[in-house]
Amino acid sequence: MIYEATGYQLFEKYLLKSDENIVDNTVKLSFDKLLDGSESALLEKTKNFGTITFNEESYIWESPYIDFNFNNGKKIKYILTKRK
């Protein structure tokens, strides 16, 4: 899986690993390597890119990396939508 974020003075592109747990309906994401953009000491140290959970209605992504880098550490749950 590839994570890519672009914007004003922002460009990150990372290869992520995923580990699916069908019993808990979760997918754990972990940093694998930098593909392009700026390096992240946080990811290289913790590797934790979060968890995606399916709750019978929607997919919810919780990411300590996103919370730390973009939300001043405030924990947020993101509801994922399917792109067509």
PDB file of N, CA and C in Angstrom:
ATOM      1  N   MET A   1       0.848  -1.160   0.000  1.00  0.00           N
ATOM      2  CA  MET A   1       0.000   0.000   0.000  1.00  0.00           C
ATOM      3  C   MET A   1       0.900   1.232   0.000  1.00  0.00           C
ATOM      4  N   ILE A   2       0.480   2.258  -0.714  1.00  0.00           N
ATOM      5  CA  ILE A   2       1.246   3.496  -0.772  1.00  0.00           C
ATOM      6  C   ILE A   2       0.434   4.628  -0.145  1.00  0.00           C
ATOM      7  N   TYR A   3       1.071   5.369   0.742  1.00  0.00           N
ATOM      8  CA  TYR A   3       0.501   6.575   1.346  1.00  0.00           C
ATOM      9  C   TYR A   3       1.167   7.756   0.667  1.00  0.00           C
ATOM     10  N   GLU A   4       0.346   8.701   0.194  1.00  0.00           N
ATOM     11  CA  GLU A   4       0.892   9.903  -0.423  1.00  0.00           C
ATOM     12  C   GLU A   4       0.108  11.114   0.058  1.00  0.00           C
ATOM     13  N   ALA A   5       0.838  12.136   0.491  1.00  0.00           N
ATOM     14  CA  ALA A   5       0.231  13.395   0.927  1.00  0.00           C
ATOM     15  C   ALA A   5       0.956  14.530   0.222  1.00  0.00           C
ATOM     16  N   THR A   6       0.186  15.410  -0.401  1.00  0.00           N
ATOM     17  CA  THR A   6       0.774  16.556  -1.085  1.00  0.00           C
ATOM     18  C   THR A   6       0.000  17.810  -0.720  1.00  0.00           C
ATOM     19  N   GLY A   7       0.673  18.921  -0.739  1.00  0.00           N
ATOM     20  CA  GLY A   7       0.045  20.200  -0.431  1.00  0.00           C
ATOM     21  C   GLY A   7       1.106  21.274  -0.391  1.00  0.00           C
ATOM     22  N   TYR A   8       0.741  22.413   0.144  1.00  0.00           N
ATOM     23  CA  TYR A   8       1.675  23.525   0.269  1.00  0.00           C
ATOM     24  C   TYR A   8       2.830  23.114   1.175  1.00  0.00           C
ATOM     25  N   GLN A   9       4.019  23.070   0.660  1.00  0.00           N
ATOM     26  CA  GLN A   9       5.233  22.667   1.371  1.00  0.00           C
ATOM     27  C   GLN A   9       5.112  21.277   1.998  1.00  0.00           C
ATOM     28  N   LEU A  10       4.354  20.404   1.357  1.00  0.00           N
ATOM     29  CA  LEU A  10       4.160  19.043   1.863  1.00  0.00           C
ATOM     30  C   LEU A  10       4.245  18.067   0.706  1.00  0.00           C
ATOM     31  N   PHE A  11       5.107  17.103   0.832  1.00  0.00           N
ATOM     32  CA  PHE A  11       5.129  15.979  -0.097  1.00  0.00           C
ATOM     33  C   PHE A  11       5.719  14.787   0.622  1.00  0.00           C
ATOM     34  N   GLU A  12       4.889  13.773   0.825  1.00  0.00           N
ATOM     35  CA  GLU A  12       5.311  12.541   1.479  1.00  0.00           C
ATOM     36  C   GLU A  12       4.772  11.384   0.654  1.00  0.00           C
ATOM     37  N   LYS A  13       5.611  10.396   0.428  1.00  0.00           N
ATOM     38  CA  LYS A  13       5.174   9.197  -0.259  1.00  0.00           C
ATOM     39  C   LYS A  13       5.909   8.020   0.375  1.00  0.00           C
ATOM     40  N   TYR A  14       5.130   7.149   1.044  1.00  0.00           N
ATOM     41  CA  TYR A  14       5.693   6.034   1.792  1.00  0.00           C
ATOM     42  C   TYR A  14       5.089   4.717   1.330  1.00  0.00           C
ATOM     43  N   LEU A  15       5.892   3.686   1.358  1.00  0.00           N
ATOM     44  CA  LEU A  15       5.403   2.335   1.171  1.00  0.00           C
ATOM     45  C   LEU A  15       5.048   1.796   2.547  1.00  0.00           C
ATOM     46  N   LEU A  16       3.837   1.275   2.679  1.00  0.00           N
ATOM     47  CA  LEU A  16       3.377   0.733   3.956  1.00  0.00           C
ATOM     48  C   LEU A  16       3.182  -0.770   3.843  1.00  0.00           C
ATOM     49  N   LYS A  17       3.357  -1.456   4.947  1.00  0.00           N
ATOM     50  CA  LYS A  17       3.027  -2.877   5.052  1.00  0.00           C
ATOM     51  C   LYS A  17       1.675  -2.975   5.744  1.00  0.00           C
ATOM     52  N   SER A  18       0.939  -4.018   5.432  1.00  0.00           N
ATOM     53  CA  SER A  18      -0.345  -4.220   6.103  1.00  0.00           C
ATOM     54  C   SER A  18      -0.418  -5.626   6.675  1.00  0.00           C
ATOM     55  N   ASP A  19      -1.104  -5.740   7.800  1.00  0.00           N
ATOM     56  CA  ASP A  19      -1.301  -7.021   8.471  1.00  0.00           C
ATOM     57  C   ASP A  19      -2.783  -7.127   8.808  1.00  0.00           C
ATOM     58  N   GLU A  20      -3.482  -8.008   8.106  1.00  0.00           N
ATOM     59  CA  GLU A  20      -4.933  -8.134   8.266  1.00  0.00           C
ATOM     60  C   GLU A  20      -5.268  -9.138   9.363  1.00  0.00           C
ATOM     61  N   ASN A  21      -6.260  -8.781  10.193  1.00  0.00           N
ATOM     62  CA  ASN A  21      -6.787  -9.672  11.218  1.00  0.00           C
ATOM     63  C   ASN A  21      -8.278  -9.816  10.945  1.00  0.00           C
ATOM     64  N   ILE A  22      -8.685 -10.936  10.330  1.00  0.00           N
ATOM     65  CA  ILE A  22     -10.093 -11.095   9.941  1.00  0.00           C
ATOM     66  C   ILE A  22     -11.009 -11.310  11.142  1.00  0.00           C
ATOM     67  N   VAL A  23     -10.481 -11.797  12.246  1.00  0.00           N
ATOM     68  CA  VAL A  23     -11.296 -11.993  13.453  1.00  0.00           C
ATOM     69  C   VAL A  23     -11.742 -10.641  14.017  1.00  0.00           C
ATOM     70  N   ASP A  24     -10.822  -9.670  14.071  1.00  0.00           N
ATOM     71  CA  ASP A  24     -11.119  -8.349  14.628  1.00  0.00           C
ATOM     72  C   ASP A  24     -11.561  -7.336  13.573  1.00  0.00           C
ATOM     73  N   ASN A  25     -11.612  -7.748  12.294  1.00  0.00           N
ATOM     74  CA  ASN A  25     -11.947  -6.822  11.195  1.00  0.00           C
ATOM     75  C   ASN A  25     -11.018  -5.611  11.170  1.00  0.00           C
ATOM     76  N   THR A  26      -9.717  -5.858  11.341  1.00  0.00           N
ATOM     77  CA  THR A  26      -8.748  -4.762  11.346  1.00  0.00           C
ATOM     78  C   THR A  26      -7.613  -5.019  10.365  1.00  0.00           C
ATOM     79  N   VAL A  27      -7.008  -3.923   9.953  1.00  0.00           N
ATOM     80  CA  VAL A  27      -5.777  -3.965   9.170  1.00  0.00           C
ATOM     81  C   VAL A  27      -4.806  -3.014   9.861  1.00  0.00           C
ATOM     82  N   LYS A  28      -3.681  -3.541  10.303  1.00  0.00           N
ATOM     83  CA  LYS A  28      -2.650  -2.705  10.928  1.00  0.00           C
ATOM     84  C   LYS A  28      -1.669  -2.275   9.848  1.00  0.00           C
ATOM     85  N   LEU A  29      -1.367  -0.980   9.829  1.00  0.00           N
ATOM     86  CA  LEU A  29      -0.452  -0.422   8.848  1.00  0.00           C
ATOM     87  C   LEU A  29       0.866  -0.062   9.514  1.00  0.00           C
ATOM     88  N   SER A  30       1.959  -0.369   8.829  1.00  0.00           N
ATOM     89  CA  SER A  30       3.274  -0.005   9.358  1.00  0.00           C
ATOM     90  C   SER A  30       4.154   0.538   8.234  1.00  0.00           C
ATOM     91  N   PHE A  31       4.993   1.485   8.588  1.00  0.00           N
ATOM     92  CA  PHE A  31       5.918   2.100   7.644  1.00  0.00           C
ATOM     93  C   PHE A  31       6.929   1.066   7.182  1.00  0.00           C
ATOM     94  N   ASP A  32       7.168   1.015   5.861  1.00  0.00           N
ATOM     95  CA  ASP A  32       8.177   0.118   5.321  1.00  0.00           C
ATOM     96  C   ASP A  32       9.375   0.900   4.802  1.00  0.00           C
ATOM     97  N   LYS A  33       9.118   1.836   3.849  1.00  0.00           N
ATOM     98  CA  LYS A  33      10.234   2.642   3.350  1.00  0.00           C
ATOM     99  C   LYS A  33       9.749   3.917   2.680  1.00  0.00           C
ATOM    100  N   LEU A  34      10.642   4.865   2.616  1.00  0.00           N
ATOM    101  CA  LEU A  34      10.407   6.145   1.967  1.00  0.00           C
ATOM    102  C   LEU A  34      10.466   5.941   0.455  1.00  0.00           C
ATOM    103  N   LEU A  35       9.441   6.416  -0.265  1.00  0.00           N
ATOM    104  CA  LEU A  35       9.452   6.346  -1.720  1.00  0.00           C
ATOM    105  C   LEU A  35       9.863   7.672  -2.333  1.00  0.00           C
ATOM    106  N   ASP A  36       9.432   8.760  -1.716  1.00  0.00           N
ATOM    107  CA  ASP A  36       9.769  10.083  -2.209  1.00  0.00           C
ATOM    108  C   ASP A  36       9.350  11.106  -1.162  1.00  0.00           C
ATOM    109  N   GLY A  37       9.955  12.278  -1.207  1.00  0.00           N
ATOM    110  CA  GLY A  37       9.580  13.334  -0.277  1.00  0.00           C
ATOM    111  C   GLY A  37      10.478  13.362   0.942  1.00  0.00           C
ATOM    112  N   SER A  38       9.918  13.868   2.035  1.00  0.00           N
ATOM    113  CA  SER A  38      10.723  14.060   3.234  1.00  0.00           C
ATOM    114  C   SER A  38      10.662  12.844   4.145  1.00  0.00           C
ATOM    115  N   GLU A  39      11.777  12.600   4.814  1.00  0.00           N
ATOM    116  CA  GLU A  39      11.864  11.485   5.741  1.00  0.00           C
ATOM    117  C   GLU A  39      11.138  11.807   7.045  1.00  0.00           C
ATOM    118  N   SER A  40      10.739  10.769   7.756  1.00  0.00           N
ATOM    119  CA  SER A  40      10.082  10.941   9.039  1.00  0.00           C
ATOM    120  C   SER A  40      10.812  10.120  10.091  1.00  0.00           C
ATOM    121  N   ALA A  41      11.485  10.808  11.007  1.00  0.00           N
ATOM    122  CA  ALA A  41      12.179  10.117  12.093  1.00  0.00           C
ATOM    123  C   ALA A  41      11.182   9.361  12.965  1.00  0.00           C
ATOM    124  N   LEU A  42       9.980   9.927  13.150  1.00  0.00           N
ATOM    125  CA  LEU A  42       8.945   9.278  13.955  1.00  0.00           C
ATOM    126  C   LEU A  42       8.563   7.926  13.353  1.00  0.00           C
ATOM    127  N   LEU A  43       8.291   7.898  12.057  1.00  0.00           N
ATOM    128  CA  LEU A  43       7.916   6.638  11.413  1.00  0.00           C
ATOM    129  C   LEU A  43       9.060   5.639  11.398  1.00  0.00           C
ATOM    130  N   GLU A  44      10.250   6.120  11.135  1.00  0.00           N
ATOM    131  CA  GLU A  44      11.382   5.208  11.080  1.00  0.00           C
ATOM    132  C   GLU A  44      11.640   4.580  12.444  1.00  0.00           C
ATOM    133  N   LYS A  45      11.259   5.280  13.512  1.00  0.00           N
ATOM    134  CA  LYS A  45      11.467   4.755  14.861  1.00  0.00           C
ATOM    135  C   LYS A  45      10.311   3.837  15.278  1.00  0.00           C
ATOM    136  N   THR A  46       9.069   4.296  15.142  1.00  0.00           N
ATOM    137  CA  THR A  46       7.925   3.532  15.650  1.00  0.00           C
ATOM    138  C   THR A  46       7.326   2.573  14.629  1.00  0.00           C
ATOM    139  N   LYS A  47       7.390   2.916  13.355  1.00  0.00           N
ATOM    140  CA  LYS A  47       6.811   2.136  12.245  1.00  0.00           C
ATOM    141  C   LYS A  47       5.278   2.127  12.250  1.00  0.00           C
ATOM    142  N   ASN A  48       4.627   2.659  13.299  1.00  0.00           N
ATOM    143  CA  ASN A  48       3.173   2.577  13.437  1.00  0.00           C
ATOM    144  C   ASN A  48       2.464   3.629  12.584  1.00  0.00           C
ATOM    145  N   PHE A  49       1.726   3.162  11.587  1.00  0.00           N
ATOM    146  CA  PHE A  49       0.973   4.072  10.742  1.00  0.00           C
ATOM    147  C   PHE A  49      -0.518   3.987  11.021  1.00  0.00           C
ATOM    148  N   GLY A  50      -0.895   3.175  11.979  1.00  0.00           N
ATOM    149  CA  GLY A  50      -2.285   3.142  12.417  1.00  0.00           C
ATOM    150  C   GLY A  50      -3.009   1.849  12.110  1.00  0.00           C
ATOM    151  N   THR A  51      -4.319   1.903  12.364  1.00  0.00           N
ATOM    152  CA  THR A  51      -5.185   0.737  12.189  1.00  0.00           C
ATOM    153  C   THR A  51      -6.459   1.155  11.469  1.00  0.00           C
ATOM    154  N   ILE A  52      -6.859   0.323  10.518  1.00  0.00           N
ATOM    155  CA  ILE A  52      -8.141   0.503   9.837  1.00  0.00           C
ATOM    156  C   ILE A  52      -9.070  -0.584  10.365  1.00  0.00           C
ATOM    157  N   THR A  53     -10.247  -0.169  10.821  1.00  0.00           N
ATOM    158  CA  THR A  53     -11.233  -1.089  11.379  1.00  0.00           C
ATOM    159  C   THR A  53     -12.525  -1.006  10.584  1.00  0.00           C
ATOM    160  N   PHE A  54     -13.147  -2.157  10.321  1.00  0.00           N
ATOM    161  CA  PHE A  54     -14.448  -2.183   9.665  1.00  0.00           C
ATOM    162  C   PHE A  54     -15.495  -2.491  10.721  1.00  0.00           C
ATOM    163  N   ASN A  55     -16.515  -1.626  10.822  1.00  0.00           N
ATOM    164  CA  ASN A  55     -17.530  -1.802  11.860  1.00  0.00           C
ATOM    165  C   ASN A  55     -18.913  -2.120  11.293  1.00  0.00           C
ATOM    166  N   GLU A  56     -18.976  -2.894  10.221  1.00  0.00           N
ATOM    167  CA  GLU A  56     -20.216  -3.301   9.547  1.00  0.00           C
ATOM    168  C   GLU A  56     -20.864  -2.190   8.719  1.00  0.00           C
ATOM    169  N   GLU A  57     -20.452  -0.952   8.893  1.00  0.00           N
ATOM    170  CA  GLU A  57     -21.004   0.152   8.120  1.00  0.00           C
ATOM    171  C   GLU A  57     -19.930   0.923   7.367  1.00  0.00           C
ATOM    172  N   SER A  58     -18.782   1.110   8.014  1.00  0.00           N
ATOM    173  CA  SER A  58     -17.744   1.934   7.398  1.00  0.00           C
ATOM    174  C   SER A  58     -16.367   1.494   7.868  1.00  0.00           C
ATOM    175  N   TYR A  59     -15.374   1.994   7.163  1.00  0.00           N
ATOM    176  CA  TYR A  59     -13.989   1.763   7.527  1.00  0.00           C
ATOM    177  C   TYR A  59     -13.489   2.989   8.285  1.00  0.00           C
ATOM    178  N   ILE A  60     -12.877   2.759   9.440  1.00  0.00           N
ATOM    179  CA  ILE A  60     -12.390   3.851  10.280  1.00  0.00           C
ATOM    180  C   ILE A  60     -10.881   3.689  10.447  1.00  0.00           C
ATOM    181  N   TRP A  61     -10.170   4.771  10.182  1.00  0.00           N
ATOM    182  CA  TRP A  61      -8.708   4.759  10.270  1.00  0.00           C
ATOM    183  C   TRP A  61      -8.276   5.620  11.435  1.00  0.00           C
ATOM    184  N   GLU A  62      -7.474   5.056  12.330  1.00  0.00           N
ATOM    185  CA  GLU A  62      -6.857   5.786  13.429  1.00  0.00           C
ATOM    186  C   GLU A  62      -5.349   5.708  13.216  1.00  0.00           C
ATOM    187  N   SER A  63      -4.683   6.870  13.204  1.00  0.00           N
ATOM    188  CA  SER A  63      -3.262   6.912  12.881  1.00  0.00           C
ATOM    189  C   SER A  63      -2.497   7.841  13.814  1.00  0.00           C
ATOM    190  N   PRO A  64      -1.653   7.288  14.675  1.00  0.00           N
ATOM    191  CA  PRO A  64      -0.832   8.134  15.540  1.00  0.00           C
ATOM    192  C   PRO A  64       0.083   9.057  14.732  1.00  0.00           C
ATOM    193  N   TYR A  65       0.539   8.588  13.577  1.00  0.00           N
ATOM    194  CA  TYR A  65       1.405   9.416  12.723  1.00  0.00           C
ATOM    195  C   TYR A  65       0.665  10.659  12.242  1.00  0.00           C
ATOM    196  N   ILE A  66      -0.543  10.489  11.724  1.00  0.00           N
ATOM    197  CA  ILE A  66      -1.341  11.618  11.238  1.00  0.00           C
ATOM    198  C   ILE A  66      -1.682  12.546  12.404  1.00  0.00           C
ATOM    199  N   ASP A  67      -2.096  11.964  13.537  1.00  0.00           N
ATOM    200  CA  ASP A  67      -2.436  12.771  14.711  1.00  0.00           C
ATOM    201  C   ASP A  67      -1.257  13.636  15.149  1.00  0.00           C
ATOM    202  N   PHE A  68      -0.090  13.053  15.221  1.00  0.00           N
ATOM    203  CA  PHE A  68       1.096  13.770  15.684  1.00  0.00           C
ATOM    204  C   PHE A  68       1.514  14.863  14.699  1.00  0.00           C
ATOM    205  N   ASN A  69       1.554  14.526  13.415  1.00  0.00           N
ATOM    206  CA  ASN A  69       2.068  15.463  12.407  1.00  0.00           C
ATOM    207  C   ASN A  69       1.088  16.536  11.949  1.00  0.00           C
ATOM    208  N   PHE A  70      -0.193  16.248  11.978  1.00  0.00           N
ATOM    209  CA  PHE A  70      -1.155  17.176  11.400  1.00  0.00           C
ATOM    210  C   PHE A  70      -2.218  17.676  12.374  1.00  0.00           C
ATOM    211  N   ASN A  71      -2.316  17.104  13.558  1.00  0.00           N
ATOM    212  CA  ASN A  71      -3.376  17.478  14.501  1.00  0.00           C
ATOM    213  C   ASN A  71      -2.848  17.808  15.891  1.00  0.00           C
ATOM    214  N   ASN A  72      -1.568  18.147  15.987  1.00  0.00           N
ATOM    215  CA  ASN A  72      -0.952  18.486  17.278  1.00  0.00           C
ATOM    216  C   ASN A  72      -1.185  17.421  18.337  1.00  0.00           C
ATOM    217  N   GLY A  73      -1.207  16.155  17.920  1.00  0.00           N
ATOM    218  CA  GLY A  73      -1.358  15.053  18.855  1.00  0.00           C
ATOM    219  C   GLY A  73      -2.786  14.698  19.204  1.00  0.00           C
ATOM    220  N   LYS A  74      -3.757  15.496  18.742  1.00  0.00           N
ATOM    221  CA  LYS A  74      -5.162  15.207  19.029  1.00  0.00           C
ATOM    222  C   LYS A  74      -5.593  13.977  18.236  1.00  0.00           C
ATOM    223  N   LYS A  75      -6.181  12.993  18.931  1.00  0.00           N
ATOM    224  CA  LYS A  75      -6.601  11.750  18.288  1.00  0.00           C
ATOM    225  C   LYS A  75      -7.897  11.976  17.509  1.00  0.00           C
ATOM    226  N   ILE A  76      -7.859  11.569  16.248  1.00  0.00           N
ATOM    227  CA  ILE A  76      -9.021  11.710  15.372  1.00  0.00           C
ATOM    228  C   ILE A  76      -9.258  10.380  14.678  1.00  0.00           C
ATOM    229  N   LYS A  77     -10.532  10.020  14.522  1.00  0.00           N
ATOM    230  CA  LYS A  77     -10.908   8.836  13.751  1.00  0.00           C
ATOM    231  C   LYS A  77     -11.388   9.318  12.388  1.00  0.00           C
ATOM    232  N   TYR A  78     -10.805   8.745  11.340  1.00  0.00           N
ATOM    233  CA  TYR A  78     -11.145   9.134   9.979  1.00  0.00           C
ATOM    234  C   TYR A  78     -12.041   8.073   9.352  1.00  0.00           C
ATOM    235  N   ILE A  79     -13.159   8.495   8.802  1.00  0.00           N
ATOM    236  CA  ILE A  79     -14.034   7.578   8.087  1.00  0.00           C
ATOM    237  C   ILE A  79     -13.591   7.575   6.633  1.00  0.00           C
ATOM    238  N   LEU A  80     -13.213   6.411   6.127  1.00  0.00           N
ATOM    239  CA  LEU A  80     -12.707   6.284   4.780  1.00  0.00           C
ATOM    240  C   LEU A  80     -13.851   6.097   3.792  1.00  0.00           C
ATOM    241  N   THR A  81     -13.716   6.705   2.631  1.00  0.00           N
ATOM    242  CA  THR A  81     -14.711   6.543   1.574  1.00  0.00           C
ATOM    243  C   THR A  81     -14.047   5.911   0.358  1.00  0.00           C
ATOM    244  N   LYS A  82     -14.812   5.133  -0.341  1.00  0.00           N
ATOM    245  CA  LYS A  82     -14.302   4.453  -1.520  1.00  0.00           C
ATOM    246  C   LYS A  82     -14.291   5.406  -2.699  1.00  0.00           C
ATOM    247  N   ARG A  83     -13.153   5.464  -3.397  1.00  0.00           N
ATOM    248  CA  ARG A  83     -13.036   6.304  -4.581  1.00  0.00           C
ATOM    249  C   ARG A  83     -13.493   5.513  -5.785  1.00  0.00           C
ATOM    250  N   LYS A  84     -14.164   6.200  -6.684  1.00  0.00           N
ATOM    251  CA  LYS A  84     -14.653   5.528  -7.905  1.00  0.00           C
ATOM    252  C   LYS A  84     -13.752   5.792  -9.054  1.00  0.00           C
TER     253      LYS A  84
END
